[in-house]
Amino acid sequence: MVSNQILQNTVDGLKNITRKEITIIDNDENLLATTQSQLARASLEYAASVIKSPAEEQLIHGSRYFKVLDDGKTEYILVVHDEDEDAFRVGKLGAFHVQALVTAHKERFDRDNFVKNLLLDNLLPVDVYSRAKKLRIENNVRRVVFLIETAVDSDMSAVEILRGIFPDRQKDLITAVDETSIVLVKELFERDGTKEIEHLAHTIVDTLSSEAMSRVYVAIGSVVADLKNVSAGYKEARLAQEVGKIFESEKQIVNYEKLGIGRLIYELPLTQCKIFLHEMLQGFGIEDIDEDMFATVTKFFENDLNVSETSRELFIHRNTLVYRLDKIQQLTRLDLRKFTDAITFKITLMVNRYMQYRERPAK
């Protein structure tokens, strides 16, 4: 059903234009919206008889009652608390407007239902194409799936904010998949590539972060050219989201096509990871590395094993950096100044992080 707030805004707007008192009642005889509470309570006495009557418009005790139908059944009763000709015209106009709201709400619900089933791969190809045609959604166009995770205040809607960013509902499909996740299936131009797609992701992050005042994570699937392949793009975005949280938790945007070695490690069997760690560490634990040493290693890798640049950015003497690298070599038997040893240690850190993720208690 259309929200009570939208119905209240509707009757308030009509009253401001027509100066008529208006009430809306649902088919269960519940008062949903009104501009005059006392008149509204009185009109509830006649709601049952209006619903049962075959007439679509009635004049009862000085008020005009208009039915708003949905598939031939009464969905709402709109009451204009007057009986003149202006009241009749206002009632007809109001009922027409509420009918349009009902139709739009049903279409949005149908679209949301279609998108969710499309993402979950619950539709046969023939059903995808037939329902897409009915909903006026094109099939053979380039699309990409954005999986957006955010936590917004109860009085704000991230879905509505996104619909404000991407208002073309025929081309861009937006739906909430759970309390914190939203999916945007964005239609692309032929010239759009990785740069343009990631620019869209930054737009989503910046807008939601500023308007919803919440940290936002966006995972991007690969581009698909057929509507039935959107589910594959959604699965890729979910994988990118999970891999990103393990190996690149500091990033707000993760692209499935740029997961790199993290994707490879994520797909390794757990037993193989344990064997690898045992072979590499041989009793040494990653937890034995203190924060200063860990920060040193991280910055050293960021600077492509450049000792001078790393010491400058860490504001430490070159000899201090060399001392820390020597200490890590004593612990791990790996000289991080050598490319091969540095790669081995980097992979060891990533596998260890993956193991910690897999072995953490389920929430």
Protein backbone atom coordinates (compact mmCIF):
# COMPACT_ATOMS: atom_id res chain seq x y z
CA MET A 1 0.00 0.00 0.00
CA VAL A 2 0.96 3.64 -0.49
CA SER A 3 2.52 5.04 2.69
CA ASN A 4 0.35 7.08 5.05
CA GLN A 5 2.79 9.97 4.83
CA ILE A 6 2.37 10.21 1.06
CA LEU A 7 -1.43 10.10 1.44
CA GLN A 8 -1.30 12.82 4.12
CA ASN A 9 0.85 14.99 1.86
CA THR A 10 -1.72 14.44 -0.89
CA VAL A 11 -4.75 15.57 1.14
CA ASP A 12 -2.80 18.51 2.60
CA GLY A 13 -1.85 19.61 -0.91
CA LEU A 14 -5.41 19.28 -2.19
CA LYS A 15 -6.75 21.30 0.74
CA ASN A 16 -4.21 24.08 0.12
CA ILE A 17 -5.43 24.34 -3.47
CA THR A 18 -9.20 23.75 -3.07
CA ARG A 19 -9.93 24.75 0.57
CA LYS A 20 -11.88 21.52 1.00
CA GLU A 21 -11.51 19.16 3.97
CA ILE A 22 -10.50 15.69 2.74
CA THR A 23 -10.10 12.24 4.33
CA ILE A 24 -8.71 8.94 3.06
CA ILE A 25 -9.86 5.59 4.52
CA ASP A 26 -8.59 2.12 3.57
CA ASN A 27 -10.66 -0.98 2.76
CA ASP A 28 -10.37 -2.16 6.37
CA GLU A 29 -12.08 1.04 7.53
CA ASN A 30 -8.86 2.52 8.98
CA LEU A 31 -8.30 6.26 8.89
CA LEU A 32 -5.09 6.89 6.93
CA ALA A 33 -4.99 10.62 6.28
CA THR A 34 -7.20 13.65 6.92
CA THR A 35 -7.24 17.42 7.08
CA GLN A 36 -10.02 17.51 9.72
CA SER A 37 -10.03 14.84 12.45
CA GLN A 38 -13.58 15.41 13.72
CA LEU A 39 -15.15 15.12 10.26
CA ALA A 40 -12.93 12.12 9.51
CA ARG A 41 -14.16 10.17 12.55
CA ALA A 42 -17.74 10.81 11.50
CA SER A 43 -17.08 9.54 7.98
CA LEU A 44 -15.76 6.21 9.35
CA GLU A 45 -19.36 5.28 10.28
CA TYR A 46 -20.29 5.06 6.60
CA ALA A 47 -17.11 3.43 5.28
CA ALA A 48 -18.43 -0.15 5.45
CA SER A 49 -21.59 0.64 3.49
CA VAL A 50 -19.60 2.58 0.86
CA ILE A 51 -17.21 -0.38 0.40
CA LYS A 52 -20.11 -2.82 -0.03
CA SER A 53 -22.01 -0.58 -2.43
CA PRO A 54 -21.48 -1.10 -6.19
CA ALA A 55 -21.48 2.67 -6.70
CA GLU A 56 -18.09 4.34 -7.19
CA GLU A 57 -19.30 7.71 -5.89
CA GLN A 58 -21.91 8.55 -3.23
CA LEU A 59 -23.27 11.57 -1.38
CA ILE A 60 -23.92 10.77 2.29
CA HIS A 61 -24.88 13.31 4.94
CA GLY A 62 -23.23 16.26 3.28
CA SER A 63 -19.99 14.52 2.23
CA ARG A 64 -18.98 12.97 -1.08
CA TYR A 65 -17.38 9.49 -1.01
CA PHE A 66 -15.21 8.29 -3.91
CA LYS A 67 -13.77 4.79 -4.35
CA VAL A 68 -10.18 4.20 -5.46
CA LEU A 69 -10.04 0.77 -7.08
CA ASP A 70 -7.22 -1.70 -7.57
CA ASP A 71 -7.97 -4.62 -9.92
CA GLY A 72 -11.68 -3.95 -9.48
CA LYS A 73 -11.54 -4.00 -5.66
CA THR A 74 -11.86 -1.02 -3.35
CA GLU A 75 -8.40 -0.02 -2.09
CA TYR A 76 -9.23 3.39 -0.60
CA ILE A 77 -12.17 5.71 0.00
CA LEU A 78 -11.54 9.40 -0.55
CA VAL A 79 -14.00 11.64 1.26
CA VAL A 80 -14.60 15.32 0.48
CA HIS A 81 -16.47 16.88 3.39
CA ASP A 82 -18.81 19.01 1.28
CA GLU A 83 -21.60 18.36 -1.22
CA ASP A 84 -21.41 21.09 -3.86
CA GLU A 85 -20.19 20.74 -7.44
CA ASP A 86 -16.70 21.86 -6.48
CA ALA A 87 -16.57 19.00 -3.96
CA PHE A 88 -17.47 16.58 -6.75
CA ARG A 89 -14.68 17.87 -8.98
CA VAL A 90 -12.18 17.87 -6.12
CA GLY A 91 -13.17 14.30 -5.25
CA LYS A 92 -12.77 13.10 -8.81
CA LEU A 93 -9.39 14.81 -9.10
CA GLY A 94 -8.25 13.45 -5.73
CA ALA A 95 -9.39 9.91 -6.50
CA PHE A 96 -7.60 10.06 -9.85
CA HIS A 97 -4.39 11.20 -8.14
CA VAL A 98 -4.55 8.49 -5.46
CA GLN A 99 -5.26 5.92 -8.21
CA ALA A 100 -2.06 7.07 -9.95
CA LEU A 101 -0.16 6.65 -6.68
CA VAL A 102 -1.51 3.10 -6.32
CA THR A 103 -0.48 2.25 -9.89
CA ALA A 104 2.99 3.74 -9.41
CA HIS A 105 3.41 1.87 -6.12
CA LYS A 106 2.43 -1.43 -7.75
CA GLU A 107 4.81 -0.83 -10.63
CA ARG A 108 7.65 -0.06 -8.23
CA PHE A 109 6.83 -3.18 -6.21
CA ASP A 110 6.74 -5.26 -9.40
CA ARG A 111 10.07 -3.81 -10.50
CA ASP A 112 11.66 -4.41 -7.10
CA ASN A 113 10.34 -7.98 -7.06
CA PHE A 114 11.65 -8.54 -10.60
CA VAL A 115 15.09 -7.11 -9.77
CA LYS A 116 15.43 -9.22 -6.62
CA ASN A 117 14.50 -12.41 -8.46
CA LEU A 118 16.85 -11.43 -11.28
CA LEU A 119 19.75 -10.94 -8.84
CA LEU A 120 19.08 -14.25 -7.11
CA ASP A 121 18.82 -16.08 -10.46
CA ASN A 122 15.27 -17.23 -9.65
CA LEU A 123 13.92 -16.65 -13.16
CA LEU A 124 14.12 -18.72 -16.32
CA PRO A 125 15.56 -16.83 -19.32
CA VAL A 126 12.16 -16.73 -21.02
CA ASP A 127 10.63 -15.23 -17.87
CA VAL A 128 13.42 -12.66 -17.64
CA TYR A 129 12.73 -11.39 -21.14
CA SER A 130 8.92 -11.47 -20.91
CA ARG A 131 8.76 -9.68 -17.55
CA ALA A 132 11.41 -7.17 -18.61
CA LYS A 133 9.34 -6.34 -21.68
CA LYS A 134 6.23 -5.86 -19.54
CA LEU A 135 8.14 -3.54 -17.21
CA ARG A 136 9.69 -1.70 -20.20
CA ILE A 137 13.24 -2.71 -19.27
CA GLU A 138 15.61 -3.18 -22.21
CA ASN A 139 17.51 -6.44 -22.53
CA ASN A 140 20.63 -6.13 -24.66
CA VAL A 141 22.38 -3.14 -23.13
CA ARG A 142 25.61 -2.89 -21.12
CA ARG A 143 25.07 -2.89 -17.36
CA VAL A 144 27.15 -3.12 -14.21
CA VAL A 145 26.12 -4.11 -10.69
CA PHE A 146 27.05 -1.96 -7.70
CA LEU A 147 26.59 -3.56 -4.28
CA ILE A 148 26.35 -0.75 -1.73
CA GLU A 149 26.64 -1.36 1.99
CA THR A 150 25.68 1.43 4.37
CA ALA A 151 23.99 2.00 7.70
CA VAL A 152 21.69 5.04 7.70
CA ASP A 153 19.56 6.64 10.39
CA SER A 154 15.98 5.38 10.63
CA ASP A 155 14.59 8.68 9.35
CA MET A 156 16.64 8.53 6.14
CA SER A 157 16.44 6.24 3.15
CA ALA A 158 19.62 5.38 1.27
CA VAL A 159 17.45 3.91 -1.49
CA GLU A 160 15.70 7.24 -2.02
CA ILE A 161 19.03 9.08 -1.98
CA LEU A 162 20.30 6.74 -4.70
CA ARG A 163 17.13 7.24 -6.72
CA GLY A 164 17.84 10.95 -6.51
CA ILE A 165 21.32 10.36 -7.94
CA PHE A 166 20.04 8.00 -10.66
CA PRO A 167 16.45 9.13 -11.41
CA ASP A 168 15.95 7.23 -14.69
CA ARG A 169 14.01 4.23 -13.35
CA GLN A 170 13.63 2.68 -16.79
CA LYS A 171 17.38 2.35 -17.18
CA ASP A 172 18.75 2.12 -13.63
CA LEU A 173 17.38 -0.58 -11.32
CA ILE A 174 17.69 0.04 -7.57
CA THR A 175 16.53 -2.25 -4.78
CA ALA A 176 17.37 -2.99 -1.16
CA VAL A 177 18.47 -6.59 -0.56
CA ASP A 178 18.65 -6.40 3.24
CA GLU A 179 18.83 -3.84 6.07
CA THR A 180 22.26 -2.56 5.10
CA SER A 181 22.76 -3.52 1.45
CA ILE A 182 21.41 -1.93 -1.72
CA VAL A 183 21.96 -3.02 -5.30
CA LEU A 184 22.18 -0.60 -8.21
CA VAL A 185 22.08 -2.16 -11.69
CA LYS A 186 23.37 0.74 -13.76
CA GLU A 187 22.93 1.00 -17.52
CA LEU A 188 26.14 2.12 -19.24
CA PHE A 189 26.98 3.99 -22.40
CA GLU A 190 29.00 2.11 -25.00
CA ARG A 191 32.06 4.24 -24.29
CA ASP A 192 31.95 3.70 -20.51
CA GLY A 193 34.92 1.73 -19.18
CA THR A 194 36.58 1.07 -15.83
CA LYS A 195 37.39 4.75 -15.28
CA GLU A 196 33.79 5.87 -15.75
CA ILE A 197 32.41 2.99 -13.66
CA GLU A 198 34.73 3.77 -10.75
CA HIS A 199 33.81 7.45 -11.05
CA LEU A 200 30.17 6.45 -10.54
CA ALA A 201 31.22 4.45 -7.48
CA HIS A 202 32.98 7.52 -6.05
CA THR A 203 29.84 9.58 -6.69
CA ILE A 204 27.79 7.05 -4.70
CA VAL A 205 30.28 7.01 -1.83
CA ASP A 206 30.59 10.81 -1.66
CA THR A 207 26.84 11.46 -1.85
CA LEU A 208 25.75 8.83 0.65
CA SER A 209 28.58 9.71 3.02
CA SER A 210 27.57 13.38 3.06
CA GLU A 211 23.77 13.03 3.01
CA ALA A 212 23.37 9.91 5.16
CA MET A 213 26.38 10.67 7.39
CA SER A 214 27.42 7.03 7.22
CA ARG A 215 30.47 5.10 6.05
CA VAL A 216 29.76 3.53 2.68
CA TYR A 217 31.29 0.51 0.94
CA VAL A 218 30.77 -0.13 -2.76
CA ALA A 219 31.63 -3.39 -4.55
CA ILE A 220 31.56 -3.50 -8.35
CA GLY A 221 30.83 -6.53 -10.54
CA SER A 222 32.00 -6.93 -14.13
CA VAL A 223 30.08 -5.47 -17.06
CA VAL A 224 27.34 -7.67 -18.56
CA ALA A 225 25.59 -7.23 -21.90
CA ASP A 226 22.50 -9.38 -21.33
CA LEU A 227 19.84 -8.93 -18.65
CA LYS A 228 19.94 -12.61 -17.68
CA ASN A 229 23.63 -12.23 -16.76
CA VAL A 230 22.93 -9.56 -14.13
CA SER A 231 22.83 -12.33 -11.48
CA ALA A 232 26.43 -13.24 -12.39
CA GLY A 233 27.43 -9.58 -11.95
CA TYR A 234 25.73 -9.54 -8.55
CA LYS A 235 27.62 -12.67 -7.44
CA GLU A 236 30.88 -11.06 -8.55
CA ALA A 237 30.07 -7.90 -6.61
CA ARG A 238 29.34 -9.97 -3.48
CA LEU A 239 32.66 -11.79 -3.91
CA ALA A 240 34.46 -8.48 -4.37
CA GLN A 241 32.79 -7.14 -1.23
CA GLU A 242 33.95 -10.10 0.86
CA VAL A 243 37.48 -10.26 -0.57
CA GLY A 244 37.79 -6.50 -0.12
CA LYS A 245 36.83 -6.70 3.55
CA ILE A 246 39.54 -9.31 4.12
CA PHE A 247 42.46 -7.86 2.20
CA GLU A 248 41.62 -4.19 1.58
CA SER A 249 39.44 -3.18 4.53
CA GLU A 250 40.69 0.41 4.36
CA LYS A 251 39.18 0.88 0.89
CA GLN A 252 35.60 2.03 0.32
CA ILE A 253 35.47 0.89 -3.31
CA VAL A 254 36.42 -2.59 -4.51
CA ASN A 255 36.25 -3.73 -8.13
CA TYR A 256 35.84 -7.44 -8.97
CA GLU A 257 38.16 -6.98 -11.93
CA LYS A 258 40.95 -5.62 -9.67
CA LEU A 259 40.99 -8.15 -6.82
CA GLY A 260 44.41 -9.41 -7.82
CA ILE A 261 46.12 -11.97 -5.59
CA GLY A 262 43.39 -11.60 -2.96
CA ARG A 263 40.98 -13.45 -5.23
CA LEU A 264 43.50 -16.29 -5.68
CA ILE A 265 44.04 -16.69 -1.93
CA TYR A 266 40.29 -16.51 -1.23
CA GLU A 267 39.72 -19.50 -3.51
CA LEU A 268 42.40 -21.65 -1.87
CA PRO A 269 41.27 -24.60 0.29
CA LEU A 270 41.68 -23.98 4.00
CA THR A 271 43.92 -27.02 4.42
CA GLN A 272 46.36 -25.72 1.80
CA CYS A 273 46.50 -22.36 3.58
CA LYS A 274 47.38 -24.08 6.87
CA ILE A 275 50.14 -26.10 5.21
CA PHE A 276 51.55 -22.96 3.56
CA LEU A 277 51.60 -21.00 6.85
CA HIS A 278 53.23 -23.88 8.72
CA GLU A 279 55.91 -24.13 6.04
CA MET A 280 56.59 -20.38 5.95
CA LEU A 281 56.40 -19.53 9.65
CA GLN A 282 57.72 -22.72 11.31
CA GLY A 283 56.64 -21.74 14.78
CA PHE A 284 56.90 -18.00 14.32
CA GLY A 285 53.61 -16.11 14.73
CA ILE A 286 52.55 -13.00 12.83
CA GLU A 287 51.33 -11.66 16.16
CA ASP A 288 54.99 -11.55 17.27
CA ILE A 289 55.49 -8.52 15.01
CA ASP A 290 54.86 -5.33 17.01
CA GLU A 291 52.99 -2.30 15.65
CA ASP A 292 56.13 -0.33 14.76
CA MET A 293 57.59 -3.22 12.79
CA PHE A 294 54.29 -3.90 11.07
CA ALA A 295 53.91 -0.23 10.08
CA THR A 296 57.47 -0.33 8.78
CA VAL A 297 56.80 -3.39 6.62
CA THR A 298 53.57 -1.89 5.26
CA LYS A 299 55.23 1.39 4.29
CA PHE A 300 58.25 -0.46 2.88
CA PHE A 301 55.96 -2.42 0.54
CA GLU A 302 54.07 0.74 -0.43
CA ASN A 303 57.37 2.33 -1.47
CA ASP A 304 58.44 -0.63 -3.61
CA LEU A 305 61.20 -1.72 -1.17
CA ASN A 306 62.87 1.69 -1.30
CA VAL A 307 64.77 2.14 1.99
CA SER A 308 65.45 5.87 1.64
CA GLU A 309 61.87 6.81 0.74
CA THR A 310 60.44 4.62 3.49
CA SER A 311 62.66 6.07 6.20
CA ARG A 312 61.79 9.58 5.03
CA GLU A 313 58.02 8.95 5.17
CA LEU A 314 58.26 7.24 8.56
CA PHE A 315 60.43 10.09 9.91
CA ILE A 316 63.09 7.65 11.11
CA HIS A 317 66.82 7.33 10.45
CA ARG A 318 67.84 5.00 7.64
CA ASN A 319 69.80 2.88 10.13
CA THR A 320 66.68 2.48 12.29
CA LEU A 321 64.77 1.14 9.29
CA VAL A 322 67.62 -1.25 8.43
CA TYR A 323 67.65 -2.45 12.05
CA ARG A 324 63.92 -3.22 11.89
CA LEU A 325 64.29 -5.08 8.62
CA ASP A 326 67.18 -7.10 10.07
CA LYS A 327 65.05 -7.97 13.08
CA ILE A 328 62.24 -9.22 10.83
CA GLN A 329 64.82 -11.28 8.93
CA GLN A 330 65.95 -12.88 12.19
CA LEU A 331 62.37 -13.81 13.05
CA THR A 332 61.23 -15.00 9.62
CA ARG A 333 64.47 -15.86 7.79
CA LEU A 334 63.22 -13.54 5.02
CA ASP A 335 65.20 -10.51 3.85
CA LEU A 336 62.50 -8.06 2.76
CA ARG A 337 65.03 -6.05 0.76
CA LYS A 338 65.06 -8.95 -1.71
CA PHE A 339 62.13 -9.03 -4.09
CA THR A 340 61.50 -12.79 -3.79
CA ASP A 341 61.53 -12.74 0.01
CA ALA A 342 59.34 -9.62 0.08
CA ILE A 343 56.74 -11.31 -2.17
CA THR A 344 56.81 -14.44 0.00
CA PHE A 345 56.26 -12.42 3.18
CA LYS A 346 53.48 -10.35 1.58
CA ILE A 347 51.62 -13.50 0.55
CA THR A 348 52.18 -14.99 4.01
CA LEU A 349 50.57 -11.94 5.62
CA MET A 350 47.59 -12.17 3.27
CA VAL A 351 47.09 -15.90 3.84
CA ASN A 352 47.30 -15.36 7.58
CA ARG A 353 44.65 -12.63 7.38
CA TYR A 354 42.44 -14.91 5.29
CA MET A 355 42.82 -17.72 7.84
CA GLN A 356 41.84 -15.38 10.67
CA TYR A 357 38.77 -14.35 8.69
CA ARG A 358 37.71 -17.93 7.97
CA GLU A 359 38.28 -19.13 11.52
CA ARG A 360 36.55 -16.27 13.32
CA PRO A 361 33.36 -17.24 15.22
CA ALA A 362 30.14 -16.86 13.27
CA LYS A 363 27.95 -13.99 14.37
